[in-house]
Every structure is written in structure tokens, then in C-alpha cells.
PDB file of N, CA and C in Angstrom:
ATOM      1  N   MET A   1     -37.873 -45.307  23.065  1.00  0.00           N
ATOM      2  CA  MET A   1     -36.305 -45.698  23.455  1.00  0.00           C
ATOM      3  C   MET A   1     -35.373 -44.516  23.549  1.00  0.00           C
ATOM      4  N   GLN A   2     -35.207 -44.699  24.782  1.00  0.00           N
ATOM      5  CA  GLN A   2     -33.790 -43.485  24.721  1.00  0.00           C
ATOM      6  C   GLN A   2     -32.889 -43.332  23.731  1.00  0.00           C
ATOM      7  N   LEU A   3     -32.056 -44.020  22.906  1.00  0.00           N
ATOM      8  CA  LEU A   3     -31.170 -44.645  21.929  1.00  0.00           C
ATOM      9  C   LEU A   3     -32.099 -43.777  21.042  1.00  0.00           C
ATOM     10  N   LEU A   4     -33.307 -44.408  20.106  1.00  0.00           N
ATOM     11  CA  LEU A   4     -34.047 -42.994  19.418  1.00  0.00           C
ATOM     12  C   LEU A   4     -33.319 -41.778  19.155  1.00  0.00           C
ATOM     13  N   ALA A   5     -33.358 -40.991  19.992  1.00  0.00           N
ATOM     14  CA  ALA A   5     -33.211 -39.569  20.299  1.00  0.00           C
ATOM     15  C   ALA A   5     -32.159 -39.265  20.196  1.00  0.00           C
ATOM     16  N   PHE A   6     -30.772 -40.012  19.890  1.00  0.00           N
ATOM     17  CA  PHE A   6     -29.568 -39.791  19.763  1.00  0.00           C
ATOM     18  C   PHE A   6     -29.186 -40.184  18.262  1.00  0.00           C
ATOM     19  N   ALA A   7     -30.055 -41.481  17.244  1.00  0.00           N
ATOM     20  CA  ALA A   7     -29.933 -42.200  16.048  1.00  0.00           C
ATOM     21  C   ALA A   7     -30.597 -41.151  15.408  1.00  0.00           C
ATOM     22  N   ARG A   8     -29.640 -41.249  13.581  1.00  0.00           N
ATOM     23  CA  ARG A   8     -30.773 -41.240  12.790  1.00  0.00           C
ATOM     24  C   ARG A   8     -31.047 -41.635  11.963  1.00  0.00           C
ATOM     25  N   LEU A   9     -32.729 -41.594  12.054  1.00  0.00           N
ATOM     26  CA  LEU A   9     -33.493 -42.876  11.420  1.00  0.00           C
ATOM     27  C   LEU A   9     -32.962 -43.256  10.124  1.00  0.00           C
ATOM     28  N   THR A  10     -32.458 -42.789   9.150  1.00  0.00           N
ATOM     29  CA  THR A  10     -31.938 -42.927   8.231  1.00  0.00           C
ATOM     30  C   THR A  10     -30.512 -44.375   8.609  1.00  0.00           C
ATOM     31  N   ASP A  11     -30.154 -44.168   9.729  1.00  0.00           N
ATOM     32  CA  ASP A  11     -28.660 -45.045   9.758  1.00  0.00           C
ATOM     33  C   ASP A  11     -29.367 -45.660  10.181  1.00  0.00           C
ATOM     34  N   LEU A  12     -30.472 -46.006  11.479  1.00  0.00           N
ATOM     35  CA  LEU A  12     -31.448 -47.192  11.471  1.00  0.00           C
ATOM     36  C   LEU A  12     -31.618 -47.869  10.674  1.00  0.00           C
ATOM     37  N   ALA A  13     -32.504 -47.229   9.808  1.00  0.00           N
ATOM     38  CA  ALA A  13     -33.131 -47.703   7.913  1.00  0.00           C
ATOM     39  C   ALA A  13     -31.811 -48.626   7.091  1.00  0.00           C
ATOM     40  N   GLU A  14     -30.568 -47.839   7.033  1.00  0.00           N
ATOM     41  CA  GLU A  14     -30.118 -49.022   6.493  1.00  0.00           C
ATOM     42  C   GLU A  14     -28.904 -49.743   6.854  1.00  0.00           C
ATOM     43  N   ALA A  15     -29.319 -50.008   8.534  1.00  0.00           N
ATOM     44  CA  ALA A  15     -28.649 -50.996   9.623  1.00  0.00           C
ATOM     45  C   ALA A  15     -28.919 -52.546   9.246  1.00  0.00           C
ATOM     46  N   GLY A  16     -30.409 -52.344   9.020  1.00  0.00           N
ATOM     47  CA  GLY A  16     -30.621 -53.503   9.112  1.00  0.00           C
ATOM     48  C   GLY A  16     -32.039 -53.684   8.032  1.00  0.00           C
ATOM     49  N   ASP A  17     -33.172 -54.494   8.797  1.00  0.00           N
ATOM     50  CA  ASP A  17     -34.080 -54.384   7.405  1.00  0.00           C
ATOM     51  C   ASP A  17     -35.431 -53.356   7.530  1.00  0.00           C
ATOM     52  N   SER A  18     -35.271 -52.911   8.850  1.00  0.00           N
ATOM     53  CA  SER A  18     -36.702 -52.336   9.543  1.00  0.00           C
ATOM     54  C   SER A  18     -36.628 -51.153   8.719  1.00  0.00           C
ATOM     55  N   ASN A  19     -37.104 -50.630   7.924  1.00  0.00           N
ATOM     56  CA  ASN A  19     -37.573 -48.886   6.746  1.00  0.00           C
ATOM     57  C   ASN A  19     -37.729 -47.782   7.788  1.00  0.00           C
ATOM     58  N   TYR A  20     -37.060 -46.991   7.308  1.00  0.00           N
ATOM     59  CA  TYR A  20     -37.590 -45.581   8.047  1.00  0.00           C
ATOM     60  C   TYR A  20     -38.651 -44.956   8.752  1.00  0.00           C
ATOM     61  N   LYS A  21     -39.756 -45.575   7.839  1.00  0.00           N
ATOM     62  CA  LYS A  21     -41.012 -45.663   8.035  1.00  0.00           C
ATOM     63  C   LYS A  21     -41.449 -46.182   9.293  1.00  0.00           C
ATOM     64  N   ARG A  22     -40.708 -47.018   9.736  1.00  0.00           N
ATOM     65  CA  ARG A  22     -40.990 -47.821  10.743  1.00  0.00           C
ATOM     66  C   ARG A  22     -40.350 -47.875  12.087  1.00  0.00           C
ATOM     67  N   TRP A  23     -38.993 -47.264  11.783  1.00  0.00           N
ATOM     68  CA  TRP A  23     -38.153 -46.461  12.873  1.00  0.00           C
ATOM     69  C   TRP A  23     -39.223 -45.178  13.185  1.00  0.00           C
ATOM     70  N   GLN A  24     -39.600 -44.783  12.194  1.00  0.00           N
ATOM     71  CA  GLN A  24     -40.590 -43.283  12.367  1.00  0.00           C
ATOM     72  C   GLN A  24     -41.752 -43.537  13.438  1.00  0.00           C
ATOM     73  N   ASN A  25     -42.916 -44.388  12.894  1.00  0.00           N
ATOM     74  CA  ASN A  25     -42.976 -45.357  13.714  1.00  0.00           C
ATOM     75  C   ASN A  25     -43.026 -45.830  15.403  1.00  0.00           C
ATOM     76  N   ILE A  26     -42.512 -46.007  15.435  1.00  0.00           N
ATOM     77  CA  ILE A  26     -41.770 -46.800  16.483  1.00  0.00           C
ATOM     78  C   ILE A  26     -40.869 -45.518  17.715  1.00  0.00           C
ATOM     79  N   LYS A  27     -40.303 -44.782  16.845  1.00  0.00           N
ATOM     80  CA  LYS A  27     -39.852 -43.149  17.463  1.00  0.00           C
ATOM     81  C   LYS A  27     -40.983 -42.341  18.479  1.00  0.00           C
ATOM     82  N   HIS A  28     -42.054 -42.495  17.815  1.00  0.00           N
ATOM     83  CA  HIS A  28     -43.095 -41.664  18.093  1.00  0.00           C
ATOM     84  C   HIS A  28     -44.195 -42.763  18.741  1.00  0.00           C
ATOM     85  N   GLY A  29     -44.273 -43.914  19.032  1.00  0.00           N
ATOM     86  CA  GLY A  29     -45.111 -44.484  20.417  1.00  0.00           C
ATOM     87  C   GLY A  29     -45.786 -45.105  18.976  1.00  0.00           C
ATOM     88  N   GLN A  30     -46.392 -45.262  17.698  1.00  0.00           N
ATOM     89  CA  GLN A  30     -46.670 -45.553  17.202  1.00  0.00           C
ATOM     90  C   GLN A  30     -46.756 -47.059  16.821  1.00  0.00           C
ATOM     91  N   ALA A  31     -45.148 -47.505  17.085  1.00  0.00           N
ATOM     92  CA  ALA A  31     -45.447 -49.413  16.802  1.00  0.00           C
ATOM     93  C   ALA A  31     -44.200 -49.411  18.552  1.00  0.00           C
ATOM     94  N   GLN A  32     -44.518 -50.727  18.117  1.00  0.00           N
ATOM     95  CA  GLN A  32     -43.636 -51.447  19.555  1.00  0.00           C
ATOM     96  C   GLN A  32     -42.100 -51.807  18.688  1.00  0.00           C
ATOM     97  N   ILE A  33     -41.326 -51.772  19.649  1.00  0.00           N
ATOM     98  CA  ILE A  33     -40.046 -52.255  18.875  1.00  0.00           C
ATOM     99  C   ILE A  33     -39.894 -53.931  19.106  1.00  0.00           C
ATOM    100  N   ARG A  34     -38.937 -54.247  17.832  1.00  0.00           N
ATOM    101  CA  ARG A  34     -39.496 -55.755  18.130  1.00  0.00           C
ATOM    102  C   ARG A  34     -37.888 -56.211  18.361  1.00  0.00           C
ATOM    103  N   ALA A  35     -37.982 -57.646  18.613  1.00  0.00           N
ATOM    104  CA  ALA A  35     -36.167 -58.178  19.159  1.00  0.00           C
ATOM    105  C   ALA A  35     -35.024 -57.499  18.068  1.00  0.00           C
ATOM    106  N   GLN A  36     -36.051 -57.656  16.408  1.00  0.00           N
ATOM    107  CA  GLN A  36     -34.946 -57.388  15.362  1.00  0.00           C
ATOM    108  C   GLN A  36     -34.139 -55.933  15.234  1.00  0.00           C
ATOM    109  N   GLU A  37     -35.451 -55.082  15.817  1.00  0.00           N
ATOM    110  CA  GLU A  37     -34.815 -53.739  16.085  1.00  0.00           C
ATOM    111  C   GLU A  37     -33.866 -53.274  17.138  1.00  0.00           C
ATOM    112  N   VAL A  38     -33.845 -53.486  18.001  1.00  0.00           N
ATOM    113  CA  VAL A  38     -32.666 -53.756  19.208  1.00  0.00           C
ATOM    114  C   VAL A  38     -31.765 -54.867  18.919  1.00  0.00           C
ATOM    115  N   GLU A  39     -31.520 -55.209  18.049  1.00  0.00           N
ATOM    116  CA  GLU A  39     -30.038 -56.086  17.492  1.00  0.00           C
ATOM    117  C   GLU A  39     -29.646 -54.699  16.629  1.00  0.00           C
ATOM    118  N   ILE A  40     -30.945 -53.820  15.710  1.00  0.00           N
ATOM    119  CA  ILE A  40     -29.795 -52.957  15.007  1.00  0.00           C
ATOM    120  C   ILE A  40     -29.399 -52.354  15.474  1.00  0.00           C
ATOM    121  N   LEU A  41     -30.326 -51.262  16.712  1.00  0.00           N
ATOM    122  CA  LEU A  41     -29.790 -50.680  17.584  1.00  0.00           C
ATOM    123  C   LEU A  41     -28.633 -51.180  18.222  1.00  0.00           C
ATOM    124  N   GLY A  42     -28.060 -52.553  18.601  1.00  0.00           N
ATOM    125  CA  GLY A  42     -26.589 -53.116  19.165  1.00  0.00           C
ATOM    126  C   GLY A  42     -25.584 -52.967  17.592  1.00  0.00           C
ATOM    127  N   LYS A  43     -26.715 -52.774  16.847  1.00  0.00           N
ATOM    128  CA  LYS A  43     -25.158 -52.188  15.284  1.00  0.00           C
ATOM    129  C   LYS A  43     -24.690 -50.821  15.190  1.00  0.00           C
ATOM    130  N   VAL A  44     -25.688 -50.495  15.276  1.00  0.00           N
ATOM    131  CA  VAL A  44     -25.838 -48.852  15.593  1.00  0.00           C
ATOM    132  C   VAL A  44     -24.741 -48.298  16.919  1.00  0.00           C
ATOM    133  N   PHE A  45     -25.289 -48.677  17.680  1.00  0.00           N
ATOM    134  CA  PHE A  45     -24.435 -48.651  19.102  1.00  0.00           C
ATOM    135  C   PHE A  45     -24.054 -49.607  20.046  1.00  0.00           C
ATOM    136  N   PRO A  46     -22.403 -49.895  18.847  1.00  0.00           N
ATOM    137  CA  PRO A  46     -22.232 -51.777  19.627  1.00  0.00           C
ATOM    138  C   PRO A  46     -21.996 -51.200  21.527  1.00  0.00           C
ATOM    139  N   ARG A  47     -21.211 -49.783  21.406  1.00  0.00           N
ATOM    140  CA  ARG A  47     -21.019 -49.335  23.217  1.00  0.00           C
ATOM    141  C   ARG A  47     -22.209 -50.203  23.823  1.00  0.00           C
ATOM    142  N   TYR A  48     -23.093 -49.906  22.957  1.00  0.00           N
ATOM    143  CA  TYR A  48     -24.576 -50.364  24.236  1.00  0.00           C
ATOM    144  C   TYR A  48     -24.750 -51.709  24.102  1.00  0.00           C
ATOM    145  N   ARG A  49     -24.627 -52.284  23.417  1.00  0.00           N
ATOM    146  CA  ARG A  49     -25.088 -53.968  22.564  1.00  0.00           C
ATOM    147  C   ARG A  49     -25.430 -54.357  24.070  1.00  0.00           C
ATOM    148  N   TRP A  50     -24.730 -54.778  25.428  1.00  0.00           N
ATOM    149  CA  TRP A  50     -24.464 -55.505  26.266  1.00  0.00           C
ATOM    150  C   TRP A  50     -26.225 -54.854  27.300  1.00  0.00           C
ATOM    151  N   TRP A  51     -25.882 -53.289  27.261  1.00  0.00           N
ATOM    152  CA  TRP A  51     -26.585 -53.038  28.120  1.00  0.00           C
ATOM    153  C   TRP A  51     -28.462 -53.600  27.189  1.00  0.00           C
ATOM    154  N   LEU A  52     -28.095 -53.046  25.863  1.00  0.00           N
ATOM    155  CA  LEU A  52     -29.585 -53.137  24.819  1.00  0.00           C
ATOM    156  C   LEU A  52     -30.310 -54.761  25.458  1.00  0.00           C
ATOM    157  N   MET A  53     -29.438 -55.594  25.657  1.00  0.00           N
ATOM    158  CA  MET A  53     -28.980 -57.052  25.879  1.00  0.00           C
ATOM    159  C   MET A  53     -29.780 -57.267  27.634  1.00  0.00           C
ATOM    160  N   THR A  54     -29.493 -56.611  28.008  1.00  0.00           N
ATOM    161  CA  THR A  54     -29.489 -57.235  29.439  1.00  0.00           C
ATOM    162  C   THR A  54     -30.152 -56.288  30.593  1.00  0.00           C
ATOM    163  N   GLY A  55     -29.834 -55.237  30.325  1.00  0.00           N
ATOM    164  CA  GLY A  55     -29.633 -54.065  31.420  1.00  0.00           C
ATOM    165  C   GLY A  55     -28.996 -53.483  32.280  1.00  0.00           C
ATOM    166  N   GLU A  56     -27.410 -54.134  32.158  1.00  0.00           N
ATOM    167  CA  GLU A  56     -26.526 -54.734  32.642  1.00  0.00           C
ATOM    168  C   GLU A  56     -25.287 -53.509  31.981  1.00  0.00           C
ATOM    169  N   VAL A  57     -24.831 -52.991  32.439  1.00  0.00           N
ATOM    170  CA  VAL A  57     -23.274 -52.351  32.404  1.00  0.00           C
ATOM    171  C   VAL A  57     -22.256 -53.188  32.958  1.00  0.00           C
ATOM    172  N   MET A  58     -21.225 -52.610  31.706  1.00  0.00           N
ATOM    173  CA  MET A  58     -20.064 -53.683  32.116  1.00  0.00           C
ATOM    174  C   MET A  58     -18.984 -52.719  31.408  1.00  0.00           C
ATOM    175  N   PRO A  59     -18.583 -51.589  32.060  1.00  0.00           N
ATOM    176  CA  PRO A  59     -17.717 -50.212  31.561  1.00  0.00           C
ATOM    177  C   PRO A  59     -16.089 -50.867  31.598  1.00  0.00           C
ATOM    178  N   GLU A  60     -15.678 -51.803  32.301  1.00  0.00           N
ATOM    179  CA  GLU A  60     -14.750 -52.318  32.268  1.00  0.00           C
ATOM    180  C   GLU A  60     -14.027 -52.832  31.015  1.00  0.00           C
ATOM    181  N   VAL A  61     -15.159 -53.422  30.019  1.00  0.00           N
ATOM    182  CA  VAL A  61     -14.383 -53.748  29.058  1.00  0.00           C
ATOM    183  C   VAL A  61     -15.330 -52.996  27.590  1.00  0.00           C
ATOM    184  N   GLY A  62     -16.092 -51.494  28.008  1.00  0.00           N
ATOM    185  CA  GLY A  62     -16.319 -50.574  27.314  1.00  0.00           C
ATOM    186  C   GLY A  62     -17.488 -50.914  26.941  1.00  0.00           C
ATOM    187  N   GLN A  63     -18.765 -51.686  27.758  1.00  0.00           N
ATOM    188  CA  GLN A  63     -20.042 -51.743  27.378  1.00  0.00           C
ATOM    189  C   GLN A  63     -20.972 -51.065  28.840  1.00  0.00           C
ATOM    190  N   THR A  64     -21.280 -50.233  27.918  1.00  0.00           N
ATOM    191  CA  THR A  64     -21.906 -48.723  28.986  1.00  0.00           C
ATOM    192  C   THR A  64     -23.540 -48.765  28.590  1.00  0.00           C
ATOM    193  N   SER A  65     -24.339 -47.864  28.892  1.00  0.00           N
ATOM    194  CA  SER A  65     -25.504 -47.391  29.150  1.00  0.00           C
ATOM    195  C   SER A  65     -25.347 -46.108  28.524  1.00  0.00           C
ATOM    196  N   PRO A  66     -26.329 -45.036  28.427  1.00  0.00           N
ATOM    197  CA  PRO A  66     -26.388 -43.466  27.681  1.00  0.00           C
ATOM    198  C   PRO A  66     -26.402 -42.946  29.314  1.00  0.00           C
ATOM    199  N   GLU A  67     -27.048 -43.719  30.273  1.00  0.00           N
ATOM    200  CA  GLU A  67     -27.110 -43.297  31.547  1.00  0.00           C
ATOM    201  C   GLU A  67     -25.799 -43.494  32.647  1.00  0.00           C
ATOM    202  N   TYR A  68     -25.005 -44.355  31.992  1.00  0.00           N
ATOM    203  CA  TYR A  68     -24.096 -44.363  32.509  1.00  0.00           C
ATOM    204  C   TYR A  68     -22.734 -43.235  31.939  1.00  0.00           C
ATOM    205  N   ASP A  69     -22.922 -43.385  30.828  1.00  0.00           N
ATOM    206  CA  ASP A  69     -21.951 -42.094  30.071  1.00  0.00           C
ATOM    207  C   ASP A  69     -22.499 -40.612  30.476  1.00  0.00           C
ATOM    208  N   GLU A  70     -23.570 -40.495  30.795  1.00  0.00           N
ATOM    209  CA  GLU A  70     -24.232 -39.559  30.980  1.00  0.00           C
ATOM    210  C   GLU A  70     -23.584 -38.835  32.154  1.00  0.00           C
ATOM    211  N   ALA A  71     -24.249 -40.000  33.530  1.00  0.00           N
ATOM    212  CA  ALA A  71     -23.077 -39.859  35.271  1.00  0.00           C
ATOM    213  C   ALA A  71     -21.564 -39.663  35.165  1.00  0.00           C
ATOM    214  N   ASN A  72     -20.961 -40.486  33.989  1.00  0.00           N
ATOM    215  CA  ASN A  72     -19.651 -40.421  34.431  1.00  0.00           C
ATOM    216  C   ASN A  72     -19.295 -38.550  33.401  1.00  0.00           C
ATOM    217  N   ALA A  73     -19.839 -38.440  32.327  1.00  0.00           N
ATOM    218  CA  ALA A  73     -19.266 -37.072  31.948  1.00  0.00           C
ATOM    219  C   ALA A  73     -19.445 -36.388  32.791  1.00  0.00           C
ATOM    220  N   THR A  74     -20.861 -35.912  33.841  1.00  0.00           N
ATOM    221  CA  THR A  74     -20.695 -34.998  34.998  1.00  0.00           C
ATOM    222  C   THR A  74     -19.818 -35.208  35.891  1.00  0.00           C
ATOM    223  N   LEU A  75     -19.373 -36.526  36.796  1.00  0.00           N
ATOM    224  CA  LEU A  75     -18.424 -36.489  37.199  1.00  0.00           C
ATOM    225  C   LEU A  75     -17.148 -35.771  36.710  1.00  0.00           C
ATOM    226  N   LYS A  76     -16.853 -36.488  35.238  1.00  0.00           N
ATOM    227  CA  LYS A  76     -15.755 -35.160  35.581  1.00  0.00           C
ATOM    228  C   LYS A  76     -16.358 -34.073  34.964  1.00  0.00           C
ATOM    229  N   GLN A  77     -16.745 -33.437  34.701  1.00  0.00           N
ATOM    230  CA  GLN A  77     -16.652 -32.711  34.794  1.00  0.00           C
ATOM    231  C   GLN A  77     -16.855 -31.538  36.001  1.00  0.00           C
ATOM    232  N   ARG A  78     -16.890 -32.158  36.770  1.00  0.00           N
ATOM    233  CA  ARG A  78     -16.842 -32.147  38.317  1.00  0.00           C
ATOM    234  C   ARG A  78     -15.727 -32.068  38.905  1.00  0.00           C
ATOM    235  N   GLY A  79     -15.019 -33.359  38.244  1.00  0.00           N
ATOM    236  CA  GLY A  79     -13.542 -32.910  38.355  1.00  0.00           C
ATOM    237  C   GLY A  79     -13.699 -34.461  39.434  1.00  0.00           C
ATOM    238  N   GLU A  80     -14.635 -35.137  39.782  1.00  0.00           N
ATOM    239  CA  GLU A  80     -14.333 -36.407  40.317  1.00  0.00           C
ATOM    240  C   GLU A  80     -14.045 -37.348  39.864  1.00  0.00           C
ATOM    241  N   GLY A  81     -13.419 -37.751  38.311  1.00  0.00           N
ATOM    242  CA  GLY A  81     -14.511 -38.645  37.830  1.00  0.00           C
ATOM    243  C   GLY A  81     -12.438 -39.557  37.077  1.00  0.00           C
TER     244      GLY A  81
END
């Protein structure tokens, strides 16, 4: 999952019931992510909560995705945003 590249596993473990080793296994593809872990990601990354649950973005209310944020940053660097 893309957000795991941005997250500190310690922060994820401290934000919910899944321990560090579980997050490590998810990150390395040795375990599948469960609904409770998606909820934890939503706690750690509140701006991505809607995208995590639906796959959609709502930038007008501050709900984006990593791809959306990256595209916006690129446009701003080019002076197009």
C-alpha cells in the first residue's frame, strides 16, 4: 500500500491495535491489510481518510490522495496550479 512508504511503522503501531511486526509484514507483502488497519491509516493520515475508504478525492473539503497531492505539487512547481 502506497501510504506505508510514507508512514513510520512505530506511529502506525501506536495508533491502533496492530503491532509493529504486523505492520512490517503488511509493508513487505507478507500479510494482507485488514479493515482495522485501513482505519488506523485513516487516523495517521486524516487527509486521506475519504480516499482510503472510497478511492475518491474531495479536495474542496481537504480530502485528497497521495497521487492528487503529488500532481498538485508538480503543477505548482510548473506555475500551472
